[in-house]
Amino acid sequence: MRDALDASSQRVKAIAQRVSGATLQNQSGFALPDGTTAPAAVNLEAEMTSLADEQLRYEATAKLLEKTYAKLRLSLQSR
């Protein structure tokens, strides 16, 4: 489960990197900044959907992990 949390965290960081790489150009919309990378459109709706999906998965995995640790603690305390 920890691996799932780590993988989710990496995916969220990748989404954040793509979105943060977007800059407001002439207040007309988002575009990637000029530089060595080729310009590409950033689909904010798709990125936000991906982020919401990852957040839900992360929270579900964290709750499962919390329950597992609670059971483990209870088992160790009852010995």
PDB file of N, CA and C in Angstrom:
ATOM      1  N   MET A   1       0.817  -1.195   0.000  1.00  0.00           N
ATOM      2  CA  MET A   1       0.000   0.000   0.000  1.00  0.00           C
ATOM      3  C   MET A   1       0.862   1.260   0.000  1.00  0.00           C
ATOM      4  N   ARG A   2       1.998   1.170   0.689  1.00  0.00           N
ATOM      5  CA  ARG A   2       2.878   2.335   0.709  1.00  0.00           C
ATOM      6  C   ARG A   2       3.385   2.640  -0.700  1.00  0.00           C
ATOM      7  N   ASP A   3       3.658   1.588  -1.455  1.00  0.00           N
ATOM      8  CA  ASP A   3       4.096   1.792  -2.841  1.00  0.00           C
ATOM      9  C   ASP A   3       3.016   2.496  -3.656  1.00  0.00           C
ATOM     10  N   ALA A   4       1.758   2.146  -3.385  1.00  0.00           N
ATOM     11  CA  ALA A   4       0.649   2.799  -4.091  1.00  0.00           C
ATOM     12  C   ALA A   4       0.590   4.281  -3.735  1.00  0.00           C
ATOM     13  N   LEU A   5       0.824   4.605  -2.454  1.00  0.00           N
ATOM     14  CA  LEU A   5       0.835   6.010  -2.044  1.00  0.00           C
ATOM     15  C   LEU A   5       1.995   6.757  -2.691  1.00  0.00           C
ATOM     16  N   ASP A   6       3.156   6.112  -2.743  1.00  0.00           N
ATOM     17  CA  ASP A   6       4.314   6.748  -3.377  1.00  0.00           C
ATOM     18  C   ASP A   6       4.074   6.973  -4.871  1.00  0.00           C
ATOM     19  N   ALA A   7       3.490   5.981  -5.539  1.00  0.00           N
ATOM     20  CA  ALA A   7       3.202   6.118  -6.969  1.00  0.00           C
ATOM     21  C   ALA A   7       2.186   7.229  -7.208  1.00  0.00           C
ATOM     22  N   SER A   8       1.178   7.295  -6.349  1.00  0.00           N
ATOM     23  CA  SER A   8       0.171   8.354  -6.476  1.00  0.00           C
ATOM     24  C   SER A   8       0.806   9.720  -6.274  1.00  0.00           C
ATOM     25  N   SER A   9       1.692   9.808  -5.301  1.00  0.00           N
ATOM     26  CA  SER A   9       2.377  11.071  -5.036  1.00  0.00           C
ATOM     27  C   SER A   9       3.200  11.511  -6.245  1.00  0.00           C
ATOM     28  N   GLN A  10       3.862  10.573  -6.899  1.00  0.00           N
ATOM     29  CA  GLN A  10       4.656  10.896  -8.085  1.00  0.00           C
ATOM     30  C   GLN A  10       3.768  11.371  -9.234  1.00  0.00           C
ATOM     31  N   ARG A  11       2.598  10.729  -9.404  1.00  0.00           N
ATOM     32  CA  ARG A  11       1.688  11.153 -10.468  1.00  0.00           C
ATOM     33  C   ARG A  11       1.154  12.555 -10.200  1.00  0.00           C
ATOM     34  N   VAL A  12       0.854  12.851  -8.933  1.00  0.00           N
ATOM     35  CA  VAL A  12       0.365  14.189  -8.581  1.00  0.00           C
ATOM     36  C   VAL A  12       1.450  15.228  -8.840  1.00  0.00           C
ATOM     37  N   LYS A  13       2.694  14.897  -8.507  1.00  0.00           N
ATOM     38  CA  LYS A  13       3.800  15.818  -8.771  1.00  0.00           C
ATOM     39  C   LYS A  13       3.959  16.073 -10.269  1.00  0.00           C
ATOM     40  N   ALA A  14       3.769  15.038 -11.080  1.00  0.00           N
ATOM     41  CA  ALA A  14       3.873  15.207 -12.536  1.00  0.00           C
ATOM     42  C   ALA A  14       2.766  16.116 -13.056  1.00  0.00           C
ATOM     43  N   ILE A  15       1.562  15.941 -12.529  1.00  0.00           N
ATOM     44  CA  ILE A  15       0.446  16.807 -12.928  1.00  0.00           C
ATOM     45  C   ILE A  15       0.747  18.242 -12.523  1.00  0.00           C
ATOM     46  N   ALA A  16       1.208  18.422 -11.292  1.00  0.00           N
ATOM     47  CA  ALA A  16       1.526  19.763 -10.805  1.00  0.00           C
ATOM     48  C   ALA A  16       2.622  20.406 -11.645  1.00  0.00           C
ATOM     49  N   GLN A  17       3.608  19.622 -12.052  1.00  0.00           N
ATOM     50  CA  GLN A  17       4.700  20.142 -12.874  1.00  0.00           C
ATOM     51  C   GLN A  17       4.179  20.634 -14.219  1.00  0.00           C
ATOM     52  N   ARG A  18       3.285  19.852 -14.836  1.00  0.00           N
ATOM     53  CA  ARG A  18       2.732  20.261 -16.129  1.00  0.00           C
ATOM     54  C   ARG A  18       1.898  21.531 -15.992  1.00  0.00           C
ATOM     55  N   VAL A  19       1.075  21.596 -14.948  1.00  0.00           N
ATOM     56  CA  VAL A  19       0.213  22.762 -14.766  1.00  0.00           C
ATOM     57  C   VAL A  19       1.033  23.985 -14.375  1.00  0.00           C
ATOM     58  N   SER A  20       2.030  23.803 -13.503  1.00  0.00           N
ATOM     59  CA  SER A  20       2.833  24.952 -13.080  1.00  0.00           C
ATOM     60  C   SER A  20       3.724  25.457 -14.205  1.00  0.00           C
ATOM     61  N   GLY A  21       3.991  24.610 -15.200  1.00  0.00           N
ATOM     62  CA  GLY A  21       4.777  25.034 -16.351  1.00  0.00           C
ATOM     63  C   GLY A  21       3.999  25.944 -17.280  1.00  0.00           C
ATOM     64  N   ALA A  22       2.701  26.006 -17.075  1.00  0.00           N
ATOM     65  CA  ALA A  22       1.857  26.875 -17.898  1.00  0.00           C
ATOM     66  C   ALA A  22       1.918  28.291 -17.339  1.00  0.00           C
ATOM     67  N   THR A  23       1.972  29.257 -18.222  1.00  0.00           N
ATOM     68  CA  THR A  23       1.979  30.655 -17.791  1.00  0.00           C
ATOM     69  C   THR A  23       0.874  31.401 -18.508  1.00  0.00           C
ATOM     70  N   LEU A  24       0.380  32.420 -17.886  1.00  0.00           N
ATOM     71  CA  LEU A  24      -0.658  33.238 -18.499  1.00  0.00           C
ATOM     72  C   LEU A  24       0.016  34.167 -19.500  1.00  0.00           C
ATOM     73  N   GLN A  25      -0.338  34.005 -20.757  1.00  0.00           N
ATOM     74  CA  GLN A  25       0.299  34.778 -21.813  1.00  0.00           C
ATOM     75  C   GLN A  25      -0.701  35.804 -22.329  1.00  0.00           C
ATOM     76  N   ASN A  26      -0.403  37.087 -22.144  1.00  0.00           N
ATOM     77  CA  ASN A  26      -1.263  38.190 -22.584  1.00  0.00           C
ATOM     78  C   ASN A  26      -2.675  38.087 -22.020  1.00  0.00           C
ATOM     79  N   GLN A  27      -2.823  37.458 -20.902  1.00  0.00           N
ATOM     80  CA  GLN A  27      -4.101  37.266 -20.213  1.00  0.00           C
ATOM     81  C   GLN A  27      -5.164  36.655 -21.116  1.00  0.00           C
ATOM     82  N   SER A  28      -4.738  35.933 -22.136  1.00  0.00           N
ATOM     83  CA  SER A  28      -5.705  35.320 -23.047  1.00  0.00           C
ATOM     84  C   SER A  28      -5.873  33.831 -22.788  1.00  0.00           C
ATOM     85  N   GLY A  29      -5.001  33.243 -22.001  1.00  0.00           N
ATOM     86  CA  GLY A  29      -5.103  31.815 -21.723  1.00  0.00           C
ATOM     87  C   GLY A  29      -3.755  31.252 -21.326  1.00  0.00           C
ATOM     88  N   PHE A  30      -3.704  29.975 -21.136  1.00  0.00           N
ATOM     89  CA  PHE A  30      -2.479  29.320 -20.713  1.00  0.00           C
ATOM     90  C   PHE A  30      -1.699  28.807 -21.911  1.00  0.00           C
ATOM     91  N   ALA A  31      -0.402  28.911 -21.824  1.00  0.00           N
ATOM     92  CA  ALA A  31       0.498  28.369 -22.841  1.00  0.00           C
ATOM     93  C   ALA A  31       1.814  28.058 -22.157  1.00  0.00           C
ATOM     94  N   LEU A  32       2.528  27.102 -22.681  1.00  0.00           N
ATOM     95  CA  LEU A  32       3.827  26.793 -22.099  1.00  0.00           C
ATOM     96  C   LEU A  32       4.781  27.950 -22.359  1.00  0.00           C
ATOM     97  N   PRO A  33       5.694  28.218 -21.428  1.00  0.00           N
ATOM     98  CA  PRO A  33       6.622  29.330 -21.612  1.00  0.00           C
ATOM     99  C   PRO A  33       7.602  29.062 -22.750  1.00  0.00           C
ATOM    100  N   ASP A  34       8.112  30.155 -23.330  1.00  0.00           N
ATOM    101  CA  ASP A  34       9.126  30.013 -24.369  1.00  0.00           C
ATOM    102  C   ASP A  34      10.387  29.448 -23.741  1.00  0.00           C
ATOM    103  N   GLY A  35      11.113  28.669 -24.495  1.00  0.00           N
ATOM    104  CA  GLY A  35      12.337  28.073 -23.988  1.00  0.00           C
ATOM    105  C   GLY A  35      12.767  26.949 -24.900  1.00  0.00           C
ATOM    106  N   THR A  36      13.495  26.030 -24.346  1.00  0.00           N
ATOM    107  CA  THR A  36      14.003  24.932 -25.158  1.00  0.00           C
ATOM    108  C   THR A  36      12.935  23.894 -25.455  1.00  0.00           C
ATOM    109  N   THR A  37      11.873  23.874 -24.658  1.00  0.00           N
ATOM    110  CA  THR A  37      10.815  22.897 -24.916  1.00  0.00           C
ATOM    111  C   THR A  37       9.866  23.428 -25.978  1.00  0.00           C
ATOM    112  N   ALA A  38       9.353  22.528 -26.765  1.00  0.00           N
ATOM    113  CA  ALA A  38       8.394  22.918 -27.803  1.00  0.00           C
ATOM    114  C   ALA A  38       7.075  23.296 -27.144  1.00  0.00           C
ATOM    115  N   PRO A  39       6.447  24.361 -27.623  1.00  0.00           N
ATOM    116  CA  PRO A  39       5.172  24.757 -27.035  1.00  0.00           C
ATOM    117  C   PRO A  39       4.118  23.673 -27.241  1.00  0.00           C
ATOM    118  N   ALA A  40       3.333  23.467 -26.224  1.00  0.00           N
ATOM    119  CA  ALA A  40       2.238  22.503 -26.304  1.00  0.00           C
ATOM    120  C   ALA A  40       1.103  23.018 -25.441  1.00  0.00           C
ATOM    121  N   ALA A  41      -0.084  22.729 -25.842  1.00  0.00           N
ATOM    122  CA  ALA A  41      -1.245  23.188 -25.085  1.00  0.00           C
ATOM    123  C   ALA A  41      -1.367  22.385 -23.798  1.00  0.00           C
ATOM    124  N   VAL A  42      -1.778  23.052 -22.752  1.00  0.00           N
ATOM    125  CA  VAL A  42      -2.042  22.403 -21.477  1.00  0.00           C
ATOM    126  C   VAL A  42      -3.550  22.351 -21.320  1.00  0.00           C
ATOM    127  N   ASN A  43      -4.084  21.155 -21.288  1.00  0.00           N
ATOM    128  CA  ASN A  43      -5.519  20.979 -21.126  1.00  0.00           C
ATOM    129  C   ASN A  43      -5.812  20.975 -19.627  1.00  0.00           C
ATOM    130  N   LEU A  44      -6.168  22.136 -19.088  1.00  0.00           N
ATOM    131  CA  LEU A  44      -6.374  22.257 -17.649  1.00  0.00           C
ATOM    132  C   LEU A  44      -7.523  21.400 -17.155  1.00  0.00           C
ATOM    133  N   GLU A  45      -8.560  21.251 -17.948  1.00  0.00           N
ATOM    134  CA  GLU A  45      -9.690  20.423 -17.519  1.00  0.00           C
ATOM    135  C   GLU A  45      -9.247  18.972 -17.330  1.00  0.00           C
ATOM    136  N   ALA A  46      -8.470  18.463 -18.279  1.00  0.00           N
ATOM    137  CA  ALA A  46      -7.971  17.089 -18.172  1.00  0.00           C
ATOM    138  C   ALA A  46      -7.005  16.951 -17.004  1.00  0.00           C
ATOM    139  N   GLU A  47      -6.147  17.942 -16.811  1.00  0.00           N
ATOM    140  CA  GLU A  47      -5.185  17.889 -15.711  1.00  0.00           C
ATOM    141  C   GLU A  47      -5.893  17.938 -14.359  1.00  0.00           C
ATOM    142  N   MET A  48      -6.910  18.783 -14.236  1.00  0.00           N
ATOM    143  CA  MET A  48      -7.642  18.881 -12.971  1.00  0.00           C
ATOM    144  C   MET A  48      -8.442  17.605 -12.708  1.00  0.00           C
ATOM    145  N   THR A  49      -8.970  16.991 -13.765  1.00  0.00           N
ATOM    146  CA  THR A  49      -9.673  15.719 -13.611  1.00  0.00           C
ATOM    147  C   THR A  49      -8.711  14.643 -13.133  1.00  0.00           C
ATOM    148  N   SER A  50      -7.525  14.612 -13.725  1.00  0.00           N
ATOM    149  CA  SER A  50      -6.501  13.649 -13.303  1.00  0.00           C
ATOM    150  C   SER A  50      -6.100  13.883 -11.858  1.00  0.00           C
ATOM    151  N   LEU A  51      -5.956  15.138 -11.488  1.00  0.00           N
ATOM    152  CA  LEU A  51      -5.575  15.473 -10.119  1.00  0.00           C
ATOM    153  C   LEU A  51      -6.656  15.046  -9.130  1.00  0.00           C
ATOM    154  N   ALA A  52      -7.917  15.284  -9.463  1.00  0.00           N
ATOM    155  CA  ALA A  52      -9.019  14.880  -8.584  1.00  0.00           C
ATOM    156  C   ALA A  52      -9.069  13.362  -8.447  1.00  0.00           C
ATOM    157  N   ASP A  53      -8.865  12.651  -9.552  1.00  0.00           N
ATOM    158  CA  ASP A  53      -8.854  11.190  -9.518  1.00  0.00           C
ATOM    159  C   ASP A  53      -7.726  10.680  -8.627  1.00  0.00           C
ATOM    160  N   GLU A  54      -6.543  11.247  -8.797  1.00  0.00           N
ATOM    161  CA  GLU A  54      -5.404  10.839  -7.974  1.00  0.00           C
ATOM    162  C   GLU A  54      -5.644  11.143  -6.497  1.00  0.00           C
ATOM    163  N   GLN A  55      -6.263  12.286  -6.210  1.00  0.00           N
ATOM    164  CA  GLN A  55      -6.547  12.654  -4.825  1.00  0.00           C
ATOM    165  C   GLN A  55      -7.500  11.651  -4.184  1.00  0.00           C
ATOM    166  N   LEU A  56      -8.544  11.260  -4.914  1.00  0.00           N
ATOM    167  CA  LEU A  56      -9.492  10.267  -4.389  1.00  0.00           C
ATOM    168  C   LEU A  56      -8.811   8.924  -4.146  1.00  0.00           C
ATOM    169  N   ARG A  57      -7.981   8.504  -5.082  1.00  0.00           N
ATOM    170  CA  ARG A  57      -7.253   7.238  -4.912  1.00  0.00           C
ATOM    171  C   ARG A  57      -6.297   7.313  -3.724  1.00  0.00           C
ATOM    172  N   TYR A  58      -5.611   8.431  -3.582  1.00  0.00           N
ATOM    173  CA  TYR A  58      -4.665   8.611  -2.484  1.00  0.00           C
ATOM    174  C   TYR A  58      -5.384   8.540  -1.142  1.00  0.00           C
ATOM    175  N   GLU A  59      -6.510   9.246  -1.027  1.00  0.00           N
ATOM    176  CA  GLU A  59      -7.255   9.251   0.227  1.00  0.00           C
ATOM    177  C   GLU A  59      -7.801   7.868   0.560  1.00  0.00           C
ATOM    178  N   ALA A  60      -8.285   7.139  -0.442  1.00  0.00           N
ATOM    179  CA  ALA A  60      -8.793   5.785  -0.203  1.00  0.00           C
ATOM    180  C   ALA A  60      -7.675   4.857   0.263  1.00  0.00           C
ATOM    181  N   THR A  61      -6.524   4.945  -0.389  1.00  0.00           N
ATOM    182  CA  THR A  61      -5.387   4.113   0.004  1.00  0.00           C
ATOM    183  C   THR A  61      -4.904   4.477   1.397  1.00  0.00           C
ATOM    184  N   ALA A  62      -4.870   5.758   1.712  1.00  0.00           N
ATOM    185  CA  ALA A  62      -4.443   6.196   3.040  1.00  0.00           C
ATOM    186  C   ALA A  62      -5.393   5.679   4.118  1.00  0.00           C
ATOM    187  N   LYS A  63      -6.696   5.687   3.853  1.00  0.00           N
ATOM    188  CA  LYS A  63      -7.664   5.166   4.825  1.00  0.00           C
ATOM    189  C   LYS A  63      -7.483   3.666   5.018  1.00  0.00           C
ATOM    190  N   LEU A  64      -7.254   2.935   3.936  1.00  0.00           N
ATOM    191  CA  LEU A  64      -7.005   1.498   4.060  1.00  0.00           C
ATOM    192  C   LEU A  64      -5.753   1.235   4.884  1.00  0.00           C
ATOM    193  N   LEU A  65      -4.723   2.003   4.626  1.00  0.00           N
ATOM    194  CA  LEU A  65      -3.480   1.850   5.364  1.00  0.00           C
ATOM    195  C   LEU A  65      -3.676   2.189   6.834  1.00  0.00           C
ATOM    196  N   GLU A  66      -4.442   3.235   7.117  1.00  0.00           N
ATOM    197  CA  GLU A  66      -4.730   3.622   8.497  1.00  0.00           C
ATOM    198  C   GLU A  66      -5.464   2.500   9.229  1.00  0.00           C
ATOM    199  N   LYS A  67      -6.453   1.885   8.583  1.00  0.00           N
ATOM    200  CA  LYS A  67      -7.197   0.781   9.199  1.00  0.00           C
ATOM    201  C   LYS A  67      -6.293  -0.422   9.442  1.00  0.00           C
ATOM    202  N   THR A  68      -5.412  -0.709   8.487  1.00  0.00           N
ATOM    203  CA  THR A  68      -4.489  -1.831   8.637  1.00  0.00           C
ATOM    204  C   THR A  68      -3.559  -1.610   9.822  1.00  0.00           C
ATOM    205  N   TYR A  69      -3.016  -0.399   9.960  1.00  0.00           N
ATOM    206  CA  TYR A  69      -2.138  -0.097  11.085  1.00  0.00           C
ATOM    207  C   TYR A  69      -2.894  -0.121  12.408  1.00  0.00           C
ATOM    208  N   ALA A  70      -4.149   0.315  12.412  1.00  0.00           N
ATOM    209  CA  ALA A  70      -4.951   0.274  13.635  1.00  0.00           C
ATOM    210  C   ALA A  70      -5.168  -1.169  14.079  1.00  0.00           C
ATOM    211  N   LYS A  71      -5.456  -2.055  13.133  1.00  0.00           N
ATOM    212  CA  LYS A  71      -5.626  -3.474  13.460  1.00  0.00           C
ATOM    213  C   LYS A  71      -4.323  -4.071  13.968  1.00  0.00           C
ATOM    214  N   LEU A  72      -3.229  -3.690  13.361  1.00  0.00           N
ATOM    215  CA  LEU A  72      -1.925  -4.185  13.786  1.00  0.00           C
ATOM    216  C   LEU A  72      -1.602  -3.712  15.197  1.00  0.00           C
ATOM    217  N   ARG A  73      -1.867  -2.428  15.487  1.00  0.00           N
ATOM    218  CA  ARG A  73      -1.637  -1.900  16.836  1.00  0.00           C
ATOM    219  C   ARG A  73      -2.488  -2.637  17.864  1.00  0.00           C
ATOM    220  N   LEU A  74      -3.758  -2.848  17.548  1.00  0.00           N
ATOM    221  CA  LEU A  74      -4.667  -3.543  18.447  1.00  0.00           C
ATOM    222  C   LEU A  74      -4.184  -4.965  18.697  1.00  0.00           C
ATOM    223  N   SER A  75      -3.734  -5.618  17.655  1.00  0.00           N
ATOM    224  CA  SER A  75      -3.223  -6.976  17.782  1.00  0.00           C
ATOM    225  C   SER A  75      -1.992  -7.022  18.682  1.00  0.00           C
ATOM    226  N   LEU A  76      -1.102  -6.060  18.518  1.00  0.00           N
ATOM    227  CA  LEU A  76       0.110  -6.026  19.340  1.00  0.00           C
ATOM    228  C   LEU A  76      -0.194  -5.660  20.788  1.00  0.00           C
ATOM    229  N   GLN A  77      -1.168  -4.790  21.015  1.00  0.00           N
ATOM    230  CA  GLN A  77      -1.520  -4.385  22.375  1.00  0.00           C
ATOM    231  C   GLN A  77      -2.198  -5.513  23.137  1.00  0.00           C
ATOM    232  N   SER A  78      -2.933  -6.359  22.453  1.00  0.00           N
ATOM    233  CA  SER A  78      -3.664  -7.426  23.127  1.00  0.00           C
ATOM    234  C   SER A  78      -2.776  -8.615  23.475  1.00  0.00           C
ATOM    235  N   ARG A  79      -1.542  -8.602  23.061  1.00  0.00           N
ATOM    236  CA  ARG A  79      -0.617  -9.703  23.392  1.00  0.00           C
ATOM    237  C   ARG A  79      -0.067  -9.544  24.746  1.00  0.00           C
TER     238      ARG A  79
END
